[in-house]
PDB file of all heavy atoms in Angstrom:
ATOM      1  N   GLY A   1      27.813  20.900  10.174  1.00  0.00           N
ATOM      2  CA  GLY A   1      28.724  19.760  10.220  1.00  0.00           C
ATOM      3  C   GLY A   1      28.406  18.767  11.311  1.00  0.00           C
ATOM      4  O   GLY A   1      29.219  17.901  11.623  1.00  0.00           O
ATOM      5  N   GLU A   2      27.214  18.851  11.869  1.00  0.00           N
ATOM      6  CA  GLU A   2      26.804  17.946  12.948  1.00  0.00           C
ATOM      7  C   GLU A   2      25.870  16.865  12.399  1.00  0.00           C
ATOM      8  O   GLU A   2      24.832  17.184  11.817  1.00  0.00           O
ATOM      9  CB  GLU A   2      26.081  18.758  14.031  1.00  0.00           C
ATOM     10  CG  GLU A   2      25.788  17.981  15.272  1.00  0.00           C
ATOM     11  CD  GLU A   2      25.142  18.850  16.351  1.00  0.00           C
ATOM     12  OE1 GLU A   2      25.240  20.086  16.295  1.00  0.00           O
ATOM     13  OE2 GLU A   2      24.507  18.252  17.239  1.00  0.00           O
ATOM     14  N   PRO A   3      26.238  15.597  12.564  1.00  0.00           N
ATOM     15  CA  PRO A   3      25.361  14.527  12.082  1.00  0.00           C
ATOM     16  C   PRO A   3      24.016  14.528  12.816  1.00  0.00           C
ATOM     17  O   PRO A   3      23.932  14.891  13.993  1.00  0.00           O
ATOM     18  CB  PRO A   3      26.136  13.246  12.404  1.00  0.00           C
ATOM     19  CG  PRO A   3      27.536  13.669  12.660  1.00  0.00           C
ATOM     20  CD  PRO A   3      27.468  15.079  13.167  1.00  0.00           C
ATOM     21  N   LEU A   4      22.985  14.123  12.107  1.00  0.00           N
ATOM     22  CA  LEU A   4      21.668  13.994  12.726  1.00  0.00           C
ATOM     23  C   LEU A   4      21.634  12.777  13.646  1.00  0.00           C
ATOM     24  O   LEU A   4      22.314  11.789  13.400  1.00  0.00           O
ATOM     25  CB  LEU A   4      20.588  13.837  11.656  1.00  0.00           C
ATOM     26  CG  LEU A   4      20.415  14.991  10.674  1.00  0.00           C
ATOM     27  CD1 LEU A   4      19.320  14.660   9.674  1.00  0.00           C
ATOM     28  CD2 LEU A   4      20.123  16.292  11.395  1.00  0.00           C
ATOM     29  N   THR A   5      20.781  12.860  14.660  1.00  0.00           N
ATOM     30  CA  THR A   5      20.518  11.714  15.529  1.00  0.00           C
ATOM     31  C   THR A   5      19.268  11.016  15.014  1.00  0.00           C
ATOM     32  O   THR A   5      18.522  11.573  14.197  1.00  0.00           O
ATOM     33  CB  THR A   5      20.282  12.166  16.983  1.00  0.00           C
ATOM     34  OG1 THR A   5      19.063  12.935  17.023  1.00  0.00           O
ATOM     35  CG2 THR A   5      21.447  13.006  17.510  1.00  0.00           C
ATOM     36  N   ASP A   6      19.019   9.832  15.524  1.00  0.00           N
ATOM     37  CA  ASP A   6      17.786   9.140  15.143  1.00  0.00           C
ATOM     38  C   ASP A   6      16.566   9.963  15.527  1.00  0.00           C
ATOM     39  O   ASP A   6      15.586  10.011  14.785  1.00  0.00           O
ATOM     40  CB  ASP A   6      17.728   7.754  15.777  1.00  0.00           C
ATOM     41  CG  ASP A   6      18.659   6.770  15.089  1.00  0.00           C
ATOM     42  OD1 ASP A   6      19.222   7.098  14.025  1.00  0.00           O
ATOM     43  OD2 ASP A   6      18.804   5.655  15.613  1.00  0.00           O
ATOM     44  N   ASP A   7      16.610  10.624  16.676  1.00  0.00           N
ATOM     45  CA  ASP A   7      15.471  11.462  17.078  1.00  0.00           C
ATOM     46  C   ASP A   7      15.233  12.597  16.087  1.00  0.00           C
ATOM     47  O   ASP A   7      14.088  13.006  15.878  1.00  0.00           O
ATOM     48  CB  ASP A   7      15.682  12.020  18.486  1.00  0.00           C
ATOM     49  CG  ASP A   7      15.500  10.958  19.560  1.00  0.00           C
ATOM     50  OD1 ASP A   7      14.819   9.940  19.301  1.00  0.00           O
ATOM     51  OD2 ASP A   7      16.037  11.147  20.668  1.00  0.00           O
ATOM     52  N   ASP A   8      16.298  13.108  15.468  1.00  0.00           N
ATOM     53  CA  ASP A   8      16.146  14.124  14.419  1.00  0.00           C
ATOM     54  C   ASP A   8      15.502  13.522  13.182  1.00  0.00           C
ATOM     55  O   ASP A   8      14.735  14.182  12.480  1.00  0.00           O
ATOM     56  CB  ASP A   8      17.514  14.683  13.991  1.00  0.00           C
ATOM     57  CG  ASP A   8      18.242  15.427  15.080  1.00  0.00           C
ATOM     58  OD1 ASP A   8      17.596  16.110  15.888  1.00  0.00           O
ATOM     59  OD2 ASP A   8      19.498  15.324  15.111  1.00  0.00           O
ATOM     60  N   ARG A   9      15.844  12.276  12.898  1.00  0.00           N
ATOM     61  CA  ARG A   9      15.417  11.646  11.641  1.00  0.00           C
ATOM     62  C   ARG A   9      13.983  11.111  11.662  1.00  0.00           C
ATOM     63  O   ARG A   9      13.342  11.051  10.616  1.00  0.00           O
ATOM     64  CB  ARG A   9      16.360  10.491  11.299  1.00  0.00           C
ATOM     65  CG  ARG A   9      17.719  10.922  10.839  1.00  0.00           C
ATOM     66  CD  ARG A   9      18.554   9.707  10.435  1.00  0.00           C
ATOM     67  NE  ARG A   9      19.888  10.089  10.022  1.00  0.00           N
ATOM     68  CZ  ARG A   9      20.952  10.051  10.798  1.00  0.00           C
ATOM     69  NH1 ARG A   9      20.848   9.626  12.052  1.00  0.00           N
ATOM     70  NH2 ARG A   9      22.127  10.419  10.342  1.00  0.00           N
ATOM     71  N   TRP A  10      13.478  10.634  12.789  1.00  0.00           N
ATOM     72  CA  TRP A  10      12.176   9.951  12.789  1.00  0.00           C
ATOM     73  C   TRP A  10      11.046  10.777  12.164  1.00  0.00           C
ATOM     74  O   TRP A  10      10.328  10.262  11.290  1.00  0.00           O
ATOM     75  CB  TRP A  10      11.790   9.471  14.176  1.00  0.00           C
ATOM     76  CG  TRP A  10      12.724   8.476  14.802  1.00  0.00           C
ATOM     77  CD1 TRP A  10      13.205   8.497  16.076  1.00  0.00           C
ATOM     78  CD2 TRP A  10      13.295   7.292  14.207  1.00  0.00           C
ATOM     79  NE1 TRP A  10      14.050   7.429  16.305  1.00  0.00           N
ATOM     80  CE2 TRP A  10      14.123   6.675  15.181  1.00  0.00           C
ATOM     81  CE3 TRP A  10      13.220   6.710  12.948  1.00  0.00           C
ATOM     82  CZ2 TRP A  10      14.844   5.497  14.928  1.00  0.00           C
ATOM     83  CZ3 TRP A  10      13.939   5.554  12.690  1.00  0.00           C
ATOM     84  CH2 TRP A  10      14.729   4.953  13.673  1.00  0.00           C
ATOM     85  N   PRO A  11      10.849  12.044  12.568  1.00  0.00           N
ATOM     86  CA  PRO A  11       9.757  12.807  11.934  1.00  0.00           C
ATOM     87  C   PRO A  11       9.957  12.993  10.437  1.00  0.00           C
ATOM     88  O   PRO A  11       9.000  12.965   9.658  1.00  0.00           O
ATOM     89  CB  PRO A  11       9.791  14.155  12.667  1.00  0.00           C
ATOM     90  CG  PRO A  11      10.533  13.902  13.933  1.00  0.00           C
ATOM     91  CD  PRO A  11      11.506  12.791  13.643  1.00  0.00           C
ATOM     92  N   TRP A  12      11.208  13.164  10.033  1.00  0.00           N
ATOM     93  CA  TRP A  12      11.520  13.321   8.613  1.00  0.00           C
ATOM     94  C   TRP A  12      11.205  12.038   7.846  1.00  0.00           C
ATOM     95  O   TRP A  12      10.585  12.068   6.779  1.00  0.00           O
ATOM     96  CB  TRP A  12      13.000  13.704   8.485  1.00  0.00           C
ATOM     97  CG  TRP A  12      13.556  13.692   7.105  1.00  0.00           C
ATOM     98  CD1 TRP A  12      13.215  14.515   6.072  1.00  0.00           C
ATOM     99  CD2 TRP A  12      14.575  12.820   6.618  1.00  0.00           C
ATOM    100  NE1 TRP A  12      13.979  14.201   4.949  1.00  0.00           N
ATOM    101  CE2 TRP A  12      14.820  13.172   5.275  1.00  0.00           C
ATOM    102  CE3 TRP A  12      15.326  11.791   7.175  1.00  0.00           C
ATOM    103  CZ2 TRP A  12      15.764  12.515   4.481  1.00  0.00           C
ATOM    104  CZ3 TRP A  12      16.263  11.152   6.388  1.00  0.00           C
ATOM    105  CH2 TRP A  12      16.474  11.515   5.067  1.00  0.00           C
ATOM    106  N   LEU A  13      11.601  10.889   8.393  1.00  0.00           N
ATOM    107  CA  LEU A  13      11.318   9.612   7.733  1.00  0.00           C
ATOM    108  C   LEU A  13       9.818   9.333   7.685  1.00  0.00           C
ATOM    109  O   LEU A  13       9.318   8.762   6.711  1.00  0.00           O
ATOM    110  CB  LEU A  13      12.057   8.479   8.440  1.00  0.00           C
ATOM    111  CG  LEU A  13      13.585   8.538   8.275  1.00  0.00           C
ATOM    112  CD1 LEU A  13      14.265   7.620   9.284  1.00  0.00           C
ATOM    113  CD2 LEU A  13      13.993   8.205   6.852  1.00  0.00           C
ATOM    114  N   ASP A  14       9.100   9.743   8.721  1.00  0.00           N
ATOM    115  CA  ASP A  14       7.634   9.607   8.703  1.00  0.00           C
ATOM    116  C   ASP A  14       7.038  10.421   7.557  1.00  0.00           C
ATOM    117  O   ASP A  14       6.114   9.972   6.873  1.00  0.00           O
ATOM    118  CB  ASP A  14       7.026  10.042  10.035  1.00  0.00           C
ATOM    119  CG  ASP A  14       7.319   9.069  11.160  1.00  0.00           C
ATOM    120  OD1 ASP A  14       7.693   7.902  10.897  1.00  0.00           O
ATOM    121  OD2 ASP A  14       7.175   9.479  12.336  1.00  0.00           O
ATOM    122  N   GLU A  15       7.576  11.613   7.339  1.00  0.00           N
ATOM    123  CA  GLU A  15       7.089  12.451   6.231  1.00  0.00           C
ATOM    124  C   GLU A  15       7.400  11.803   4.886  1.00  0.00           C
ATOM    125  O   GLU A  15       6.577  11.825   3.970  1.00  0.00           O
ATOM    126  CB  GLU A  15       7.684  13.856   6.311  1.00  0.00           C
ATOM    127  CG  GLU A  15       7.172  14.803   5.245  1.00  0.00           C
ATOM    128  CD  GLU A  15       5.666  15.035   5.287  1.00  0.00           C
ATOM    129  OE1 GLU A  15       5.026  14.817   6.342  1.00  0.00           O
ATOM    130  OE2 GLU A  15       5.104  15.434   4.243  1.00  0.00           O
ATOM    131  N   VAL A  16       8.583  11.205   4.753  1.00  0.00           N
ATOM    132  CA  VAL A  16       8.931  10.480   3.523  1.00  0.00           C
ATOM    133  C   VAL A  16       7.911   9.370   3.286  1.00  0.00           C
ATOM    134  O   VAL A  16       7.376   9.221   2.183  1.00  0.00           O
ATOM    135  CB  VAL A  16      10.370   9.918   3.607  1.00  0.00           C
ATOM    136  CG1 VAL A  16      10.639   8.944   2.460  1.00  0.00           C
ATOM    137  CG2 VAL A  16      11.386  11.041   3.613  1.00  0.00           C
ATOM    138  N   GLY A  17       7.623   8.571   4.310  1.00  0.00           N
ATOM    139  CA  GLY A  17       6.635   7.496   4.194  1.00  0.00           C
ATOM    140  C   GLY A  17       5.260   8.018   3.824  1.00  0.00           C
ATOM    141  O   GLY A  17       4.563   7.432   2.981  1.00  0.00           O
ATOM    142  N   ARG A  18       4.857   9.133   4.442  1.00  0.00           N
ATOM    143  CA  ARG A  18       3.542   9.724   4.126  1.00  0.00           C
ATOM    144  C   ARG A  18       3.476  10.162   2.666  1.00  0.00           C
ATOM    145  O   ARG A  18       2.464   9.939   1.999  1.00  0.00           O
ATOM    146  CB  ARG A  18       3.266  10.925   5.031  1.00  0.00           C
ATOM    147  CG  ARG A  18       2.623  10.578   6.346  1.00  0.00           C
ATOM    148  CD  ARG A  18       2.099  11.806   7.079  1.00  0.00           C
ATOM    149  NE  ARG A  18       3.167  12.661   7.563  1.00  0.00           N
ATOM    150  CZ  ARG A  18       3.859  12.444   8.679  1.00  0.00           C
ATOM    151  NH1 ARG A  18       3.604  11.400   9.425  1.00  0.00           N
ATOM    152  NH2 ARG A  18       4.797  13.286   9.049  1.00  0.00           N
ATOM    153  N   ARG A  19       4.542  10.771   2.175  1.00  0.00           N
ATOM    154  CA  ARG A  19       4.538  11.235   0.780  1.00  0.00           C
ATOM    155  C   ARG A  19       4.408  10.060  -0.185  1.00  0.00           C
ATOM    156  O   ARG A  19       3.707  10.153  -1.183  1.00  0.00           O
ATOM    157  CB  ARG A  19       5.806  12.022   0.470  1.00  0.00           C
ATOM    158  CG  ARG A  19       5.933  13.321   1.246  1.00  0.00           C
ATOM    159  CD  ARG A  19       4.899  14.354   0.811  1.00  0.00           C
ATOM    160  NE  ARG A  19       5.022  15.555   1.588  1.00  0.00           N
ATOM    161  CZ  ARG A  19       5.511  16.701   1.136  1.00  0.00           C
ATOM    162  NH1 ARG A  19       5.890  16.822  -0.110  1.00  0.00           N
ATOM    163  NH2 ARG A  19       5.570  17.752   1.928  1.00  0.00           N
ATOM    164  N   LEU A  20       5.080   8.955   0.118  1.00  0.00           N
ATOM    165  CA  LEU A  20       4.956   7.769  -0.731  1.00  0.00           C
ATOM    166  C   LEU A  20       3.562   7.169  -0.632  1.00  0.00           C
ATOM    167  O   LEU A  20       2.989   6.744  -1.635  1.00  0.00           O
ATOM    168  CB  LEU A  20       5.993   6.722  -0.336  1.00  0.00           C
ATOM    169  CG  LEU A  20       7.442   7.041  -0.704  1.00  0.00           C
ATOM    170  CD1 LEU A  20       8.390   6.078   0.011  1.00  0.00           C
ATOM    171  CD2 LEU A  20       7.650   6.984  -2.205  1.00  0.00           C
ATOM    172  N   ALA A  21       3.003   7.130   0.571  1.00  0.00           N
ATOM    173  CA  ALA A  21       1.689   6.514   0.795  1.00  0.00           C
ATOM    174  C   ALA A  21       0.554   7.362   0.229  1.00  0.00           C
ATOM    175  O   ALA A  21      -0.462   6.822  -0.207  1.00  0.00           O
ATOM    176  CB  ALA A  21       1.473   6.279   2.288  1.00  0.00           C
ATOM    177  N   ASN A  22       0.709   8.660   0.228  1.00  0.00           N
ATOM    178  CA  ASN A  22      -0.353   9.576  -0.219  1.00  0.00           C
ATOM    179  C   ASN A  22      -0.204   9.941  -1.686  1.00  0.00           C
ATOM    180  O   ASN A  22      -0.487  11.044  -2.101  1.00  0.00           O
ATOM    181  CB  ASN A  22      -0.343  10.855   0.635  1.00  0.00           C
ATOM    182  CG  ASN A  22      -0.730  10.590   2.052  1.00  0.00           C
ATOM    183  OD1 ASN A  22      -1.466   9.646   2.340  1.00  0.00           O
ATOM    184  ND2 ASN A  22      -0.231  11.399   2.967  1.00  0.00           N
ATOM    185  N   ASP A  23       0.192   8.982  -2.450  1.00  0.00           N
ATOM    186  CA  ASP A  23       0.524   9.202  -3.841  1.00  0.00           C
ATOM    187  C   ASP A  23      -0.681   9.432  -4.743  1.00  0.00           C
ATOM    188  O   ASP A  23      -0.558  10.027  -5.788  1.00  0.00           O
ATOM    189  CB  ASP A  23       1.326   7.987  -4.340  1.00  0.00           C
ATOM    190  CG  ASP A  23       1.709   8.179  -5.771  1.00  0.00           C
ATOM    191  OD1 ASP A  23       2.667   8.901  -6.032  1.00  0.00           O
ATOM    192  OD2 ASP A  23       1.015   7.614  -6.632  1.00  0.00           O
ATOM    193  N   ALA A  24      -1.827   8.939  -4.380  1.00  0.00           N
ATOM    194  CA  ALA A  24      -3.053   9.068  -5.182  1.00  0.00           C
ATOM    195  C   ALA A  24      -2.927   8.390  -6.545  1.00  0.00           C
ATOM    196  O   ALA A  24      -3.459   8.855  -7.536  1.00  0.00           O
ATOM    197  CB  ALA A  24      -3.447  10.530  -5.338  1.00  0.00           C
ATOM    198  N   GLY A  25      -2.190   7.287  -6.614  1.00  0.00           N
ATOM    199  CA  GLY A  25      -2.142   6.474  -7.818  1.00  0.00           C
ATOM    200  C   GLY A  25      -1.197   6.922  -8.895  1.00  0.00           C
ATOM    201  O   GLY A  25      -1.133   6.321  -9.953  1.00  0.00           O
ATOM    202  N   ARG A  26      -0.444   7.977  -8.662  1.00  0.00           N
ATOM    203  CA  ARG A  26       0.422   8.510  -9.713  1.00  0.00           C
ATOM    204  C   ARG A  26       1.769   7.804  -9.779  1.00  0.00           C
ATOM    205  O   ARG A  26       2.345   7.673 -10.850  1.00  0.00           O
ATOM    206  CB  ARG A  26       0.625   9.993  -9.451  1.00  0.00           C
ATOM    207  CG  ARG A  26       1.421  10.681 -10.506  1.00  0.00           C
ATOM    208  CD  ARG A  26       1.424  12.161 -10.264  1.00  0.00           C
ATOM    209  NE  ARG A  26       2.392  12.775 -11.170  1.00  0.00           N
ATOM    210  CZ  ARG A  26       2.855  13.975 -11.033  1.00  0.00           C
ATOM    211  NH1 ARG A  26       2.451  14.712 -10.039  1.00  0.00           N
ATOM    212  NH2 ARG A  26       3.718  14.456 -11.876  1.00  0.00           N
ATOM    213  N   GLY A  27       2.303   7.384  -8.663  1.00  0.00           N
ATOM    214  CA  GLY A  27       3.643   6.815  -8.591  1.00  0.00           C
ATOM    215  C   GLY A  27       4.629   7.884  -8.170  1.00  0.00           C
ATOM    216  O   GLY A  27       4.572   9.009  -8.656  1.00  0.00           O
ATOM    217  N   THR A  28       5.503   7.528  -7.245  1.00  0.00           N
ATOM    218  CA  THR A  28       6.467   8.492  -6.718  1.00  0.00           C
ATOM    219  C   THR A  28       7.842   7.855  -6.620  1.00  0.00           C
ATOM    220  O   THR A  28       7.973   6.726  -6.163  1.00  0.00           O
ATOM    221  CB  THR A  28       6.037   8.989  -5.312  1.00  0.00           C
ATOM    222  OG1 THR A  28       4.776   9.644  -5.411  1.00  0.00           O
ATOM    223  CG2 THR A  28       7.054   9.944  -4.719  1.00  0.00           C
ATOM    224  N   VAL A  29       8.833   8.606  -7.039  1.00  0.00           N
ATOM    225  CA  VAL A  29      10.232   8.266  -6.808  1.00  0.00           C
ATOM    226  C   VAL A  29      10.765   9.338  -5.873  1.00  0.00           C
ATOM    227  O   VAL A  29      10.642  10.527  -6.157  1.00  0.00           O
ATOM    228  CB  VAL A  29      11.047   8.255  -8.120  1.00  0.00           C
ATOM    229  CG1 VAL A  29      12.508   7.939  -7.832  1.00  0.00           C
ATOM    230  CG2 VAL A  29      10.463   7.260  -9.118  1.00  0.00           C
ATOM    231  N   ILE A  30      11.319   8.905  -4.747  1.00  0.00           N
ATOM    232  CA  ILE A  30      11.837   9.853  -3.768  1.00  0.00           C
ATOM    233  C   ILE A  30      13.313   9.578  -3.508  1.00  0.00           C
ATOM    234  O   ILE A  30      13.717   8.426  -3.371  1.00  0.00           O
ATOM    235  CB  ILE A  30      11.003   9.817  -2.466  1.00  0.00           C
ATOM    236  CG1 ILE A  30      11.356  10.984  -1.554  1.00  0.00           C
ATOM    237  CG2 ILE A  30      11.144   8.501  -1.749  1.00  0.00           C
ATOM    238  CD1 ILE A  30      10.299  11.243  -0.482  1.00  0.00           C
ATOM    239  N   ALA A  31      14.114  10.614  -3.520  1.00  0.00           N
ATOM    240  CA  ALA A  31      15.536  10.510  -3.189  1.00  0.00           C
ATOM    241  C   ALA A  31      15.665  10.693  -1.679  1.00  0.00           C
ATOM    242  O   ALA A  31      15.302  11.741  -1.149  1.00  0.00           O
ATOM    243  CB  ALA A  31      16.329  11.585  -3.919  1.00  0.00           C
ATOM    244  N   CYS A  32      16.146   9.653  -1.003  1.00  0.00           N
ATOM    245  CA  CYS A  32      16.238   9.678   0.459  1.00  0.00           C
ATOM    246  C   CYS A  32      17.391   8.783   0.890  1.00  0.00           C
ATOM    247  O   CYS A  32      17.491   7.644   0.434  1.00  0.00           O
ATOM    248  CB  CYS A  32      14.931   9.180   1.080  1.00  0.00           C
ATOM    249  SG  CYS A  32      14.946   9.048   2.871  1.00  0.00           S
ATOM    250  N   SER A  33      18.219   9.247   1.781  1.00  0.00           N
ATOM    251  CA  SER A  33      19.395   8.467   2.185  1.00  0.00           C
ATOM    252  C   SER A  33      19.026   7.083   2.706  1.00  0.00           C
ATOM    253  O   SER A  33      19.654   6.104   2.319  1.00  0.00           O
ATOM    254  CB  SER A  33      20.225   9.232   3.214  1.00  0.00           C
ATOM    255  OG  SER A  33      19.434   9.634   4.308  1.00  0.00           O
ATOM    256  N   ALA A  34      18.025   6.974   3.584  1.00  0.00           N
ATOM    257  CA  ALA A  34      17.544   5.671   4.093  1.00  0.00           C
ATOM    258  C   ALA A  34      18.701   4.736   4.440  1.00  0.00           C
ATOM    259  O   ALA A  34      18.715   3.569   4.052  1.00  0.00           O
ATOM    260  CB  ALA A  34      16.591   5.030   3.076  1.00  0.00           C
ATOM    261  N   LEU A  35      19.662   5.237   5.184  1.00  0.00           N
ATOM    262  CA  LEU A  35      20.929   4.540   5.399  1.00  0.00           C
ATOM    263  C   LEU A  35      20.839   3.269   6.235  1.00  0.00           C
ATOM    264  O   LEU A  35      21.596   2.341   6.012  1.00  0.00           O
ATOM    265  CB  LEU A  35      21.944   5.491   6.054  1.00  0.00           C
ATOM    266  CG  LEU A  35      22.320   6.710   5.225  1.00  0.00           C
ATOM    267  CD1 LEU A  35      23.246   7.626   6.033  1.00  0.00           C
ATOM    268  CD2 LEU A  35      22.962   6.315   3.916  1.00  0.00           C
ATOM    269  N   ARG A  36      19.956   3.233   7.188  1.00  0.00           N
ATOM    270  CA  ARG A  36      19.879   2.075   8.080  1.00  0.00           C
ATOM    271  C   ARG A  36      18.583   1.304   7.844  1.00  0.00           C
ATOM    272  O   ARG A  36      17.580   1.853   7.389  1.00  0.00           O
ATOM    273  CB  ARG A  36      19.912   2.532   9.546  1.00  0.00           C
ATOM    274  CG  ARG A  36      21.247   3.129   9.951  1.00  0.00           C
ATOM    275  CD  ARG A  36      21.304   3.526  11.411  1.00  0.00           C
ATOM    276  NE  ARG A  36      20.951   2.411  12.264  1.00  0.00           N
ATOM    277  CZ  ARG A  36      20.119   2.508  13.306  1.00  0.00           C
ATOM    278  NH1 ARG A  36      19.552   3.650  13.625  1.00  0.00           N
ATOM    279  NH2 ARG A  36      19.850   1.445  14.028  1.00  0.00           N
ATOM    280  N   ARG A  37      18.617   0.025   8.176  1.00  0.00           N
ATOM    281  CA  ARG A  37      17.423  -0.823   8.061  1.00  0.00           C
ATOM    282  C   ARG A  37      16.272  -0.211   8.852  1.00  0.00           C
ATOM    283  O   ARG A  37      15.130  -0.174   8.383  1.00  0.00           O
ATOM    284  CB  ARG A  37      17.760  -2.241   8.567  1.00  0.00           C
ATOM    285  CG  ARG A  37      16.558  -3.159   8.749  1.00  0.00           C
ATOM    286  CD  ARG A  37      15.980  -3.571   7.402  1.00  0.00           C
ATOM    287  NE  ARG A  37      14.772  -4.334   7.528  1.00  0.00           N
ATOM    288  CZ  ARG A  37      14.649  -5.604   7.171  1.00  0.00           C
ATOM    289  NH1 ARG A  37      15.672  -6.257   6.682  1.00  0.00           N
ATOM    290  NH2 ARG A  37      13.496  -6.216   7.272  1.00  0.00           N
ATOM    291  N   ALA A  38      16.558   0.288  10.045  1.00  0.00           N
ATOM    292  CA  ALA A  38      15.503   0.883  10.870  1.00  0.00           C
ATOM    293  C   ALA A  38      14.843   2.067  10.164  1.00  0.00           C
ATOM    294  O   ALA A  38      13.635   2.282  10.299  1.00  0.00           O
ATOM    295  CB  ALA A  38      16.066   1.320  12.227  1.00  0.00           C
ATOM    296  N   TYR A  39      15.606   2.827   9.397  1.00  0.00           N
ATOM    297  CA  TYR A  39      15.040   3.969   8.671  1.00  0.00           C
ATOM    298  C   TYR A  39      14.145   3.476   7.531  1.00  0.00           C
ATOM    299  O   TYR A  39      13.067   4.032   7.288  1.00  0.00           O
ATOM    300  CB  TYR A  39      16.140   4.859   8.096  1.00  0.00           C
ATOM    301  CG  TYR A  39      17.146   5.366   9.103  1.00  0.00           C
ATOM    302  CD1 TYR A  39      18.374   5.844   8.690  1.00  0.00           C
ATOM    303  CD2 TYR A  39      16.889   5.359  10.477  1.00  0.00           C
ATOM    304  CE1 TYR A  39      19.314   6.311   9.592  1.00  0.00           C
ATOM    305  CE2 TYR A  39      17.829   5.828  11.384  1.00  0.00           C
ATOM    306  CZ  TYR A  39      19.038   6.295  10.936  1.00  0.00           C
ATOM    307  OH  TYR A  39      19.967   6.755  11.826  1.00  0.00           O
ATOM    308  N   ARG A  40      14.592   2.446   6.848  1.00  0.00           N
ATOM    309  CA  ARG A  40      13.768   1.890   5.761  1.00  0.00           C
ATOM    310  C   ARG A  40      12.501   1.255   6.327  1.00  0.00           C
ATOM    311  O   ARG A  40      11.420   1.374   5.749  1.00  0.00           O
ATOM    312  CB  ARG A  40      14.596   0.910   4.937  1.00  0.00           C
ATOM    313  CG  ARG A  40      15.784   1.602   4.244  1.00  0.00           C
ATOM    314  CD  ARG A  40      16.543   0.711   3.310  1.00  0.00           C
ATOM    315  NE  ARG A  40      17.228  -0.410   3.932  1.00  0.00           N
ATOM    316  CZ  ARG A  40      18.465  -0.372   4.424  1.00  0.00           C
ATOM    317  NH1 ARG A  40      19.171   0.754   4.415  1.00  0.00           N
ATOM    318  NH2 ARG A  40      19.019  -1.466   4.927  1.00  0.00           N
ATOM    319  N   ASP A  41      12.629   0.583   7.466  1.00  0.00           N
ATOM    320  CA  ASP A  41      11.446   0.021   8.122  1.00  0.00           C
ATOM    321  C   ASP A  41      10.466   1.124   8.503  1.00  0.00           C
ATOM    322  O   ASP A  41       9.253   0.957   8.375  1.00  0.00           O
ATOM    323  CB  ASP A  41      11.838  -0.772   9.370  1.00  0.00           C
ATOM    324  CG  ASP A  41      12.524  -2.092   9.061  1.00  0.00           C
ATOM    325  OD1 ASP A  41      12.469  -2.551   7.887  1.00  0.00           O
ATOM    326  OD2 ASP A  41      13.127  -2.666   9.989  1.00  0.00           O
ATOM    327  N   ARG A  42      10.990   2.247   8.951  1.00  0.00           N
ATOM    328  CA  ARG A  42      10.129   3.379   9.330  1.00  0.00           C
ATOM    329  C   ARG A  42       9.358   3.884   8.107  1.00  0.00           C
ATOM    330  O   ARG A  42       8.172   4.182   8.192  1.00  0.00           O
ATOM    331  CB  ARG A  42      11.007   4.489   9.927  1.00  0.00           C
ATOM    332  CG  ARG A  42      10.257   5.648  10.501  1.00  0.00           C
ATOM    333  CD  ARG A  42       9.754   5.339  11.891  1.00  0.00           C
ATOM    334  NE  ARG A  42       9.162   6.505  12.517  1.00  0.00           N
ATOM    335  CZ  ARG A  42       9.294   6.787  13.791  1.00  0.00           C
ATOM    336  NH1 ARG A  42       9.985   6.011  14.590  1.00  0.00           N
ATOM    337  NH2 ARG A  42       8.706   7.850  14.290  1.00  0.00           N
ATOM    338  N   ILE A  43      10.019   3.976   6.967  1.00  0.00           N
ATOM    339  CA  ILE A  43       9.351   4.392   5.730  1.00  0.00           C
ATOM    340  C   ILE A  43       8.294   3.359   5.344  1.00  0.00           C
ATOM    341  O   ILE A  43       7.161   3.709   5.005  1.00  0.00           O
ATOM    342  CB  ILE A  43      10.380   4.584   4.595  1.00  0.00           C
ATOM    343  CG1 ILE A  43      11.280   5.789   4.891  1.00  0.00           C
ATOM    344  CG2 ILE A  43       9.689   4.724   3.239  1.00  0.00           C
ATOM    345  CD1 ILE A  43      12.506   5.897   3.991  1.00  0.00           C
ATOM    346  N   ARG A  44       8.650   2.075   5.418  1.00  0.00           N
ATOM    347  CA  ARG A  44       7.711   1.005   5.024  1.00  0.00           C
ATOM    348  C   ARG A  44       6.522   0.899   5.970  1.00  0.00           C
ATOM    349  O   ARG A  44       5.482   0.370   5.582  1.00  0.00           O
ATOM    350  CB  ARG A  44       8.441  -0.338   4.964  1.00  0.00           C
ATOM    351  CG  ARG A  44       9.243  -0.546   3.701  1.00  0.00           C
ATOM    352  CD  ARG A  44       9.773  -1.968   3.606  1.00  0.00           C
ATOM    353  NE  ARG A  44      10.768  -2.230   4.622  1.00  0.00           N
ATOM    354  CZ  ARG A  44      12.088  -2.200   4.417  1.00  0.00           C
ATOM    355  NH1 ARG A  44      12.567  -1.958   3.213  1.00  0.00           N
ATOM    356  NH2 ARG A  44      12.924  -2.443   5.396  1.00  0.00           N
TER     357      ARG A  44
END
């Protein structure tokens, strides 16, 4: 029941970005909260 901090989220968001980037041409849809602009920027 404890919310994550940004420090908890950064490595996870980096992994989300890596999975999208390492797609190898197939196309990926990922379910991710991406609640804040900073989190979406991290993925991008």
